[in-house]
């Protein structure tokens, strides 16, 4: 073995000696951009107007079908969210198959199938393509939009909207779109709980029947199939699809900012500011300078770590973990955004640096070496993307949809290589507008006044998460105190006499977690004992018992450690309405004032427990009922975690109102809680509160 290694080393030495010497003092010259041979496609049009594009690829025995509708915008108004819901529910049932049957049939052949508001995608082994196409055709021709699936979708959507109310990026997305395009523009419409509630089955059917037409659609077929076979299949499975006109809704055009304007969205308790410097741009897909614009944006902050925004705000200043930019094209209107999430105290400094980098992008030509690095990075990403059939399908579709030259993507690398510093500078001067931007910040209101200096008019918009004028908290009326708010709450849920007669209580219901309903059974002896079991035998996810100062808990059957603080936290749960016991438990209450909560005036109160942990509670001025509570807690190893409970519905049992529908958010997790059975003053056995 050693002899073989020795001979190999001699051979390597000989080859090295015979090889020409490299001049390492000179950088090697760049090789010419390779010629990319993207598979050619064939196309034809069915009698109903459906345009079919076929890309043959016989390397693997699989085939994919991308059905894409071609419409620009939908004006949804007070039913915003209907189009997305229709797309989601399209595959949830047909006149011939239920959702379960569709899922089972696709699983049986190992196929994937998904739908959206603008199309449908399916892929399978070639030998199963007939079964896949039959299901796709059935979904397309015979959707039913089942009522039970609509209700599930609405519940899930509204649950997500609850957490979005205090999630900075969601708030930013809403307000950014509104200030960029206006509320009356389709891109400025936002989905709210009210718009979701307005959606009915007829709206989903109307959207589908109006916008899904074969003569305004494309079918891209990629894979192990011939053009002749694809044509026969398209006629067989999609030929009966009836053509028609698609609406062209009218709407108010967007208005580009004539000068910098600042919009601030207050978020109570925010420890970071989320910043967007943004505005609409007129960048059409496939325009002559689209590639130069993309390279320019990549240099500024479009993904690579060497981006100017990242290097400035993260590496040099240490303001943030990341700062990036995006530049999007669109047939109606595109957009530019430079963004960062930064510490509160450097909010104004960060805006200064972002605007500086935008101005620098225009005034300071990019370094040749950086340009080369970015072009090489983009070339590598492009080459890797060609491994995906969906990329090839997208290229073919874009060529048709945007009237691109047939070889547009084949020459991508040559066009990328040919770009110069002058091209990048020209794109920057056309699309980067540091003096004509919407500067939008979501964060702590204390930082707002520092940002007025960036507004050309010296004025600042203050909006809520829905883009409405933000209303500051008003002082509580004379005579209203934290104590009186709690007293009104007691009256609202039934009065002190009825509550005093409540000795024991059992609540039975469920908690929906990630689409799964988990049974929840809660029992308590008022002020003394408490137990809760999540799950049902043989699978108990979580169980806790508190019995007059002692407690035990288990998770998935494993005992959980109990310290004094944890045991004390369980003691308050032995009360059906712990709010009425705050004074006895050593809590302090401060009435902050009157605010607006989703259009309803509420009393806002800060409650601090005896360990100094605060939370904010919201009580309806009109009804006295508690509507929401929220808090932020430092969790070891996880940082700050937000917690929120929204009380959606109260029902009366034996003269007392109990919250029976709630949304609970714990950090990234969200749960829907529903109480289906309320038993007032039941009899319990002592064993039901036994400490293990």
Foldseek 3Di string as FASTA:
>chain_A
DVVVVVVVVVVVVVVVVPDDDDDVVDDDDDDAFDFDDQAAWDWDAFPQQAIEIEGEDAPAQKKKKKKFFADAFDQQPLQPPLLFLLFQCLLQDFPVDHNVRSVVLCVVQVKDWGTGSTIIMIMGGNVCVVVVLQSVLRSLPTGDSDPVSLVVVLVVVQLVQVVLQQDFVSLCCQQVQCQAWNCFDRSNPDDHNRSSVVDDPVSSVVSSVQGDFSSRMYMYMYYNDDPVVVVVSCCVRPVVGHGDDHDDDDTDGGDFFPFEAEEEAERPPFQKKKKKWKHKAAAAPPDPLPLLLVLLQVCCFADDCNHPLNCPCPVPVNFAPGWHKDWDHGPRITMIITIGIGGLVCVLVSLVVSLVSLVCSQVPFDDPVSLVVSLVVVSVVLVVVSVDRVVSSVVVVCCVSVVNPSCVVSCVNVVSVPDDSVSNNVSSVRPRDSTGTYIYMYYHPVSVQVNLVRRPVSDHAYAYSNRHGFDDFDAADPPDWLVVLLQLQCVLFFHDVLLVPFQKKWWWWWKAFPNDTWIKIWIAGAQAKIKIWTHDPPFTQKIKIAGHQDIWIDGRRHTDDDDNVNNVVVSCVNHLCSSVCLVVQVKDKGFPGWGADPNFIWTWMWIAGPVGFIKIWTAGPVSSHTAKIKGWDQDPPPGIKIKMKGQDDWDDDSRGTHRAWMWIDIHPTIMIIGTDDMDTPDDDDPVVRDHD
